N, C-alpha and C. Protein backbone atom coordinates (compact mmCIF):
# COMPACT_ATOMS: atom_id res chain seq x y z
N UNK A 1 11.45 3.01 -23.52
CA UNK A 1 11.29 2.06 -22.39
C UNK A 1 10.15 2.37 -21.50
N UNK A 2 9.43 1.43 -21.09
CA UNK A 2 8.33 1.61 -20.23
C UNK A 2 8.79 1.49 -18.74
N UNK A 3 7.93 1.89 -17.77
CA UNK A 3 8.22 1.63 -16.37
C UNK A 3 8.35 0.13 -16.06
N UNK A 4 9.34 -0.32 -15.25
CA UNK A 4 9.49 -1.77 -15.14
C UNK A 4 8.39 -2.41 -14.20
N UNK A 5 7.82 -1.61 -13.39
CA UNK A 5 6.71 -2.32 -12.44
C UNK A 5 5.36 -2.11 -13.15
N UNK A 6 4.69 -3.19 -13.22
CA UNK A 6 3.30 -3.14 -13.86
C UNK A 6 2.15 -3.47 -12.86
N UNK A 7 2.54 -4.11 -11.71
CA UNK A 7 1.50 -4.56 -10.86
C UNK A 7 2.28 -4.90 -9.38
N UNK A 8 1.48 -4.74 -8.37
CA UNK A 8 2.01 -5.19 -7.06
C UNK A 8 0.99 -5.92 -6.41
N UNK A 9 1.35 -6.74 -5.39
CA UNK A 9 0.52 -7.41 -4.49
C UNK A 9 0.96 -7.38 -3.02
N UNK A 10 0.09 -7.12 -2.12
CA UNK A 10 0.45 -7.14 -0.75
C UNK A 10 -0.30 -8.21 -0.09
N UNK A 11 0.47 -9.28 0.39
CA UNK A 11 -0.21 -10.45 0.98
C UNK A 11 -0.61 -10.21 2.37
N UNK A 12 -1.80 -10.67 2.70
CA UNK A 12 -2.42 -10.43 4.08
C UNK A 12 -2.94 -11.72 4.62
N UNK A 13 -3.12 -11.82 5.97
CA UNK A 13 -3.83 -12.85 6.54
C UNK A 13 -5.22 -12.62 6.97
N UNK A 14 -5.56 -11.47 7.25
CA UNK A 14 -6.93 -11.06 7.67
C UNK A 14 -7.35 -10.11 6.63
N UNK A 15 -8.04 -10.48 5.70
CA UNK A 15 -8.54 -9.45 4.61
C UNK A 15 -9.30 -8.30 5.14
N UNK A 16 -10.44 -8.59 5.89
CA UNK A 16 -11.27 -7.44 6.31
C UNK A 16 -10.54 -6.42 7.05
N UNK A 17 -9.55 -6.92 7.86
CA UNK A 17 -8.69 -5.96 8.66
C UNK A 17 -7.76 -5.23 7.80
N UNK A 18 -7.08 -5.95 6.96
CA UNK A 18 -6.13 -5.18 5.99
C UNK A 18 -6.89 -4.23 5.07
N UNK A 19 -7.97 -4.61 4.59
CA UNK A 19 -8.75 -3.81 3.67
C UNK A 19 -9.24 -2.51 4.39
N UNK A 20 -9.65 -2.67 5.59
CA UNK A 20 -10.10 -1.54 6.45
C UNK A 20 -8.89 -0.61 6.60
N UNK A 21 -7.78 -1.14 6.90
CA UNK A 21 -6.55 -0.30 7.15
C UNK A 21 -6.23 0.45 5.97
N UNK A 22 -6.04 -0.14 4.87
CA UNK A 22 -5.68 0.66 3.68
C UNK A 22 -6.66 1.56 3.21
N UNK A 23 -7.92 1.23 3.33
CA UNK A 23 -8.99 2.21 2.98
C UNK A 23 -9.00 3.43 3.80
N UNK A 24 -8.73 3.19 5.19
CA UNK A 24 -8.62 4.31 6.03
C UNK A 24 -7.36 5.14 5.87
N UNK A 25 -6.25 4.62 5.71
CA UNK A 25 -5.05 5.33 5.60
C UNK A 25 -4.89 6.15 4.27
N UNK A 26 -5.27 5.51 3.15
CA UNK A 26 -5.28 6.12 1.84
C UNK A 26 -6.51 6.79 1.43
N UNK A 27 -7.50 6.68 2.20
CA UNK A 27 -8.80 7.26 1.89
C UNK A 27 -9.36 6.90 0.49
N UNK A 28 -9.21 5.50 0.30
CA UNK A 28 -9.80 4.96 -1.00
C UNK A 28 -10.80 3.94 -0.74
N UNK A 29 -11.49 3.38 -1.74
CA UNK A 29 -12.35 2.25 -1.63
C UNK A 29 -11.77 1.10 -2.39
N UNK A 30 -11.37 0.01 -1.97
CA UNK A 30 -10.83 -1.10 -2.70
C UNK A 30 -12.00 -1.85 -3.36
N UNK A 31 -11.68 -2.40 -4.53
CA UNK A 31 -12.75 -3.19 -5.34
C UNK A 31 -12.30 -4.61 -5.47
N UNK A 32 -13.24 -5.56 -5.26
CA UNK A 32 -13.03 -7.02 -5.37
C UNK A 32 -12.74 -7.33 -6.80
N UNK A 33 -11.80 -8.19 -7.05
CA UNK A 33 -11.40 -8.73 -8.33
C UNK A 33 -11.95 -10.33 -8.30
N UNK A 34 -12.62 -10.70 -9.34
CA UNK A 34 -13.04 -12.02 -9.41
C UNK A 34 -11.91 -12.98 -9.80
N UNK A 35 -11.67 -13.90 -8.91
CA UNK A 35 -10.57 -14.95 -8.96
C UNK A 35 -11.17 -16.14 -8.19
N UNK A 36 -11.21 -17.27 -8.88
CA UNK A 36 -11.72 -18.51 -8.15
C UNK A 36 -10.95 -19.00 -6.96
N UNK A 37 -9.65 -18.93 -7.00
CA UNK A 37 -8.82 -19.55 -5.88
C UNK A 37 -8.13 -18.49 -5.05
N UNK A 38 -8.24 -17.24 -5.30
CA UNK A 38 -7.44 -16.25 -4.55
C UNK A 38 -8.42 -15.11 -4.21
N UNK A 39 -8.32 -14.50 -2.97
CA UNK A 39 -9.12 -13.23 -2.80
C UNK A 39 -8.28 -12.01 -3.00
N UNK A 40 -8.72 -11.25 -3.97
CA UNK A 40 -7.95 -10.06 -4.34
C UNK A 40 -8.89 -8.80 -4.19
N UNK A 41 -8.34 -7.67 -3.67
CA UNK A 41 -9.05 -6.43 -3.62
C UNK A 41 -8.11 -5.42 -4.21
N UNK A 42 -8.52 -4.76 -5.31
CA UNK A 42 -7.67 -3.89 -5.98
C UNK A 42 -7.64 -2.43 -5.58
N UNK A 43 -6.61 -1.79 -5.60
CA UNK A 43 -6.62 -0.41 -5.33
C UNK A 43 -7.07 0.44 -6.48
N UNK A 44 -7.36 -0.10 -7.51
CA UNK A 44 -7.84 0.53 -8.70
C UNK A 44 -6.69 1.09 -9.55
N UNK A 45 -6.87 1.44 -10.83
CA UNK A 45 -5.84 1.94 -11.50
C UNK A 45 -6.39 2.71 -12.74
N UNK A 46 -5.61 3.58 -13.20
CA UNK A 46 -5.86 4.46 -14.40
C UNK A 46 -4.88 4.01 -15.46
N UNK A 47 -5.26 3.32 -16.53
CA UNK A 47 -4.36 2.75 -17.46
C UNK A 47 -3.77 3.78 -18.50
N UNK A 48 -4.31 5.09 -18.30
CA UNK A 48 -3.86 6.07 -19.24
C UNK A 48 -2.76 6.90 -18.67
N UNK A 49 -2.28 6.55 -17.41
CA UNK A 49 -1.22 7.43 -16.75
C UNK A 49 -0.14 6.47 -16.30
N UNK A 50 0.96 7.04 -15.81
CA UNK A 50 2.14 6.20 -15.29
C UNK A 50 1.79 5.64 -13.90
N UNK A 51 2.48 4.65 -13.52
CA UNK A 51 2.34 4.05 -12.18
C UNK A 51 1.75 2.62 -12.42
N UNK A 52 1.75 1.87 -11.32
CA UNK A 52 1.35 0.52 -11.35
C UNK A 52 0.10 0.35 -10.47
N UNK A 53 -0.81 -0.55 -10.92
CA UNK A 53 -2.00 -0.92 -10.17
C UNK A 53 -1.54 -2.01 -9.29
N UNK A 54 -2.42 -2.46 -8.32
CA UNK A 54 -2.15 -3.47 -7.42
C UNK A 54 -3.28 -3.86 -6.52
N UNK A 55 -3.03 -4.86 -5.70
CA UNK A 55 -4.19 -5.47 -4.98
C UNK A 55 -3.62 -6.01 -3.66
N UNK A 56 -4.59 -6.09 -2.70
CA UNK A 56 -4.42 -6.89 -1.41
C UNK A 56 -4.73 -8.44 -1.77
N UNK A 57 -3.93 -9.34 -1.32
CA UNK A 57 -4.06 -10.73 -1.62
C UNK A 57 -4.14 -11.58 -0.48
N UNK A 58 -5.15 -12.45 -0.30
CA UNK A 58 -5.11 -13.52 0.51
C UNK A 58 -5.16 -14.91 -0.15
N UNK A 59 -3.92 -15.63 0.09
CA UNK A 59 -3.77 -16.89 -0.64
C UNK A 59 -3.33 -17.82 0.45
N UNK A 60 -4.05 -18.88 0.71
CA UNK A 60 -3.62 -19.91 1.69
C UNK A 60 -2.10 -20.35 1.40
N UNK A 61 -1.36 -20.51 2.48
CA UNK A 61 0.08 -20.96 2.21
C UNK A 61 1.02 -19.85 1.97
N UNK A 62 0.60 -18.57 1.70
CA UNK A 62 1.42 -17.48 1.49
C UNK A 62 1.32 -16.37 2.57
N UNK A 63 2.19 -16.43 3.61
CA UNK A 63 1.96 -15.53 4.77
C UNK A 63 2.32 -14.10 4.39
N UNK A 64 1.84 -13.14 5.15
CA UNK A 64 2.18 -11.76 5.14
C UNK A 64 3.32 -11.43 5.96
N UNK A 65 3.92 -10.20 5.78
CA UNK A 65 4.99 -9.78 6.67
C UNK A 65 6.36 -10.37 6.35
N UNK A 66 7.36 -9.74 6.82
CA UNK A 66 8.76 -10.20 6.68
C UNK A 66 9.39 -10.26 5.28
N UNK A 67 8.66 -9.50 4.35
CA UNK A 67 9.11 -9.57 2.95
C UNK A 67 10.13 -8.49 2.72
N UNK A 68 10.82 -8.55 1.60
CA UNK A 68 11.92 -7.50 1.34
C UNK A 68 11.55 -6.62 0.22
N UNK A 69 10.30 -6.64 -0.21
CA UNK A 69 9.78 -5.72 -1.28
C UNK A 69 9.05 -4.60 -0.63
N UNK A 70 9.31 -3.35 -0.99
CA UNK A 70 8.67 -2.19 -0.50
C UNK A 70 7.77 -1.47 -1.49
N UNK A 71 6.48 -1.33 -1.27
CA UNK A 71 5.57 -0.67 -2.18
C UNK A 71 5.36 0.75 -1.71
N UNK A 72 5.53 1.71 -2.54
CA UNK A 72 5.30 3.08 -2.15
C UNK A 72 4.02 3.64 -2.84
N UNK A 73 3.14 4.29 -2.03
CA UNK A 73 1.89 4.82 -2.51
C UNK A 73 2.12 6.32 -2.76
N UNK A 74 1.74 6.82 -3.85
CA UNK A 74 1.93 8.25 -4.19
C UNK A 74 0.79 9.10 -3.48
N UNK A 75 1.29 10.24 -2.88
CA UNK A 75 0.38 11.06 -2.00
C UNK A 75 0.63 12.48 -2.50
N UNK A 76 -0.35 13.42 -2.09
CA UNK A 76 -0.18 14.81 -2.29
C UNK A 76 0.78 15.32 -1.20
N UNK A 77 0.70 14.91 0.06
CA UNK A 77 1.60 15.18 1.19
C UNK A 77 1.53 14.01 2.04
N UNK A 78 2.64 13.27 2.01
CA UNK A 78 2.57 11.87 2.80
C UNK A 78 2.34 12.08 4.28
N UNK A 79 2.51 13.27 4.79
CA UNK A 79 2.15 13.45 6.24
C UNK A 79 0.77 13.26 6.41
N UNK A 80 -0.12 13.53 5.59
CA UNK A 80 -1.57 13.30 5.72
C UNK A 80 -1.98 11.88 5.87
N UNK A 81 -1.42 11.05 4.97
CA UNK A 81 -1.71 9.56 5.11
C UNK A 81 -1.01 9.00 6.34
N UNK A 82 0.24 9.47 6.62
CA UNK A 82 1.03 8.98 7.76
C UNK A 82 0.14 9.25 9.06
N UNK A 83 -0.55 10.35 9.07
CA UNK A 83 -1.31 10.64 10.30
C UNK A 83 -2.49 9.76 10.56
N UNK A 84 -2.85 8.93 9.55
CA UNK A 84 -4.01 7.99 9.74
C UNK A 84 -3.42 6.63 10.07
N UNK A 85 -2.20 6.37 10.03
CA UNK A 85 -1.71 5.00 10.17
C UNK A 85 -2.04 4.39 11.51
N UNK A 86 -1.66 5.07 12.59
CA UNK A 86 -1.84 4.53 13.96
C UNK A 86 -3.37 4.32 14.24
N UNK A 87 -4.19 5.29 13.91
CA UNK A 87 -5.61 5.32 14.08
C UNK A 87 -6.18 4.00 13.41
N UNK A 88 -5.61 3.67 12.28
CA UNK A 88 -6.17 2.53 11.44
C UNK A 88 -5.61 1.18 11.92
N UNK A 89 -4.77 1.22 12.92
CA UNK A 89 -4.21 -0.10 13.48
C UNK A 89 -2.72 -0.36 13.07
N UNK A 90 -2.18 0.57 12.39
CA UNK A 90 -0.77 0.23 11.94
C UNK A 90 0.18 0.97 12.81
N UNK A 91 1.49 1.06 12.31
CA UNK A 91 2.47 1.69 13.14
C UNK A 91 3.37 2.45 12.14
N UNK A 92 3.72 3.70 12.52
CA UNK A 92 4.64 4.50 11.71
C UNK A 92 6.09 4.14 12.06
N UNK A 93 6.82 3.57 11.04
CA UNK A 93 8.18 3.13 11.17
C UNK A 93 9.16 4.23 11.10
N UNK A 94 8.88 5.16 10.21
CA UNK A 94 9.75 6.30 9.92
C UNK A 94 8.92 7.55 9.55
N UNK A 95 8.85 8.53 10.33
CA UNK A 95 8.06 9.73 9.97
C UNK A 95 8.55 10.36 8.81
N UNK A 96 7.72 11.26 8.20
CA UNK A 96 8.05 12.01 6.94
C UNK A 96 9.49 12.50 6.94
N UNK A 97 10.27 12.16 5.93
CA UNK A 97 11.59 12.66 5.80
C UNK A 97 11.92 13.06 4.40
N UNK A 98 12.89 13.96 4.24
CA UNK A 98 13.24 14.51 2.90
C UNK A 98 14.06 13.35 2.22
N UNK A 99 13.91 13.27 1.00
CA UNK A 99 14.82 12.45 0.11
C UNK A 99 15.40 13.38 -0.96
N UNK A 100 15.60 14.67 -0.57
CA UNK A 100 16.28 15.65 -1.45
C UNK A 100 15.31 16.08 -2.55
N UNK A 101 15.83 16.22 -3.71
CA UNK A 101 15.15 16.71 -4.86
C UNK A 101 13.93 15.84 -5.23
N UNK A 102 13.88 14.57 -4.77
CA UNK A 102 12.84 13.60 -5.08
C UNK A 102 11.64 13.72 -4.18
N UNK A 103 11.65 14.53 -3.19
CA UNK A 103 10.49 14.75 -2.32
C UNK A 103 10.65 14.19 -0.97
N UNK A 104 9.59 13.56 -0.51
CA UNK A 104 9.51 13.06 0.91
C UNK A 104 8.94 11.67 0.96
N UNK A 105 9.36 10.95 2.06
CA UNK A 105 8.68 9.67 2.21
C UNK A 105 8.42 9.38 3.66
N UNK A 106 7.48 8.52 3.96
CA UNK A 106 7.17 8.06 5.24
C UNK A 106 7.15 6.49 5.15
N UNK A 107 7.54 5.86 6.17
CA UNK A 107 7.40 4.35 6.12
C UNK A 107 6.56 3.89 7.25
N UNK A 108 5.69 2.87 6.99
CA UNK A 108 4.72 2.46 7.95
C UNK A 108 4.57 0.92 7.86
N UNK A 109 4.05 0.33 8.89
CA UNK A 109 3.76 -1.14 8.91
C UNK A 109 2.30 -1.27 9.07
N UNK A 110 1.65 -2.11 8.19
CA UNK A 110 0.23 -2.32 8.16
C UNK A 110 -0.14 -3.31 9.23
N UNK A 111 -1.48 -3.60 9.27
CA UNK A 111 -2.03 -4.49 10.39
C UNK A 111 -1.47 -5.92 10.14
N UNK A 112 -0.95 -6.28 8.95
CA UNK A 112 -0.53 -7.72 8.74
C UNK A 112 0.99 -7.87 8.78
N UNK A 113 1.69 -6.81 9.20
CA UNK A 113 3.21 -6.92 9.44
C UNK A 113 3.91 -6.50 8.16
N UNK A 114 3.27 -5.95 7.16
CA UNK A 114 3.94 -5.50 5.91
C UNK A 114 4.39 -4.08 6.04
N UNK A 115 5.66 -3.78 5.64
CA UNK A 115 6.04 -2.40 5.58
C UNK A 115 5.73 -1.84 4.22
N UNK A 116 5.30 -0.65 4.21
CA UNK A 116 5.05 0.12 2.93
C UNK A 116 5.39 1.60 3.11
N UNK A 117 5.56 2.11 1.85
CA UNK A 117 6.05 3.61 1.97
C UNK A 117 4.87 4.49 1.44
N UNK A 118 5.05 5.69 1.79
CA UNK A 118 4.25 6.84 1.24
C UNK A 118 5.17 7.85 0.62
N UNK A 119 4.82 8.38 -0.57
CA UNK A 119 5.78 9.28 -1.34
C UNK A 119 5.02 10.50 -1.65
N UNK A 120 5.60 11.74 -1.53
CA UNK A 120 5.02 12.87 -2.02
C UNK A 120 6.23 13.88 -2.37
N UNK A 121 5.84 14.79 -3.31
CA UNK A 121 6.82 15.87 -3.70
C UNK A 121 6.91 16.93 -2.67
N UNK A 122 5.75 17.24 -2.05
CA UNK A 122 5.82 18.27 -0.89
C UNK A 122 5.69 17.80 0.44
């Protein structure tokens, strides 16, 4: 059996603001995907390892925020990325907390009103 998730999308209203937020918090550079009707910026992915790739998406008629799906970004120590959230314009919803043998998580809200998670083993 393969992992059930193969892709994720985070819908945004203000792409430059959202792109700057995720690049600052995760310390990554997003890359533009060519699509004629939708603006997508991918987080990049390594198809030789586990995990899902994904992108920020701006699509007219599809608002951000208020959704019930939570994306978790893998981190070395989620406290590091959490420490960048407010400076980048977001809000820490729940500071780093233990989830037992599965490591630690932090929950944050981005500049577009979307909640997302950060996960690390240490």
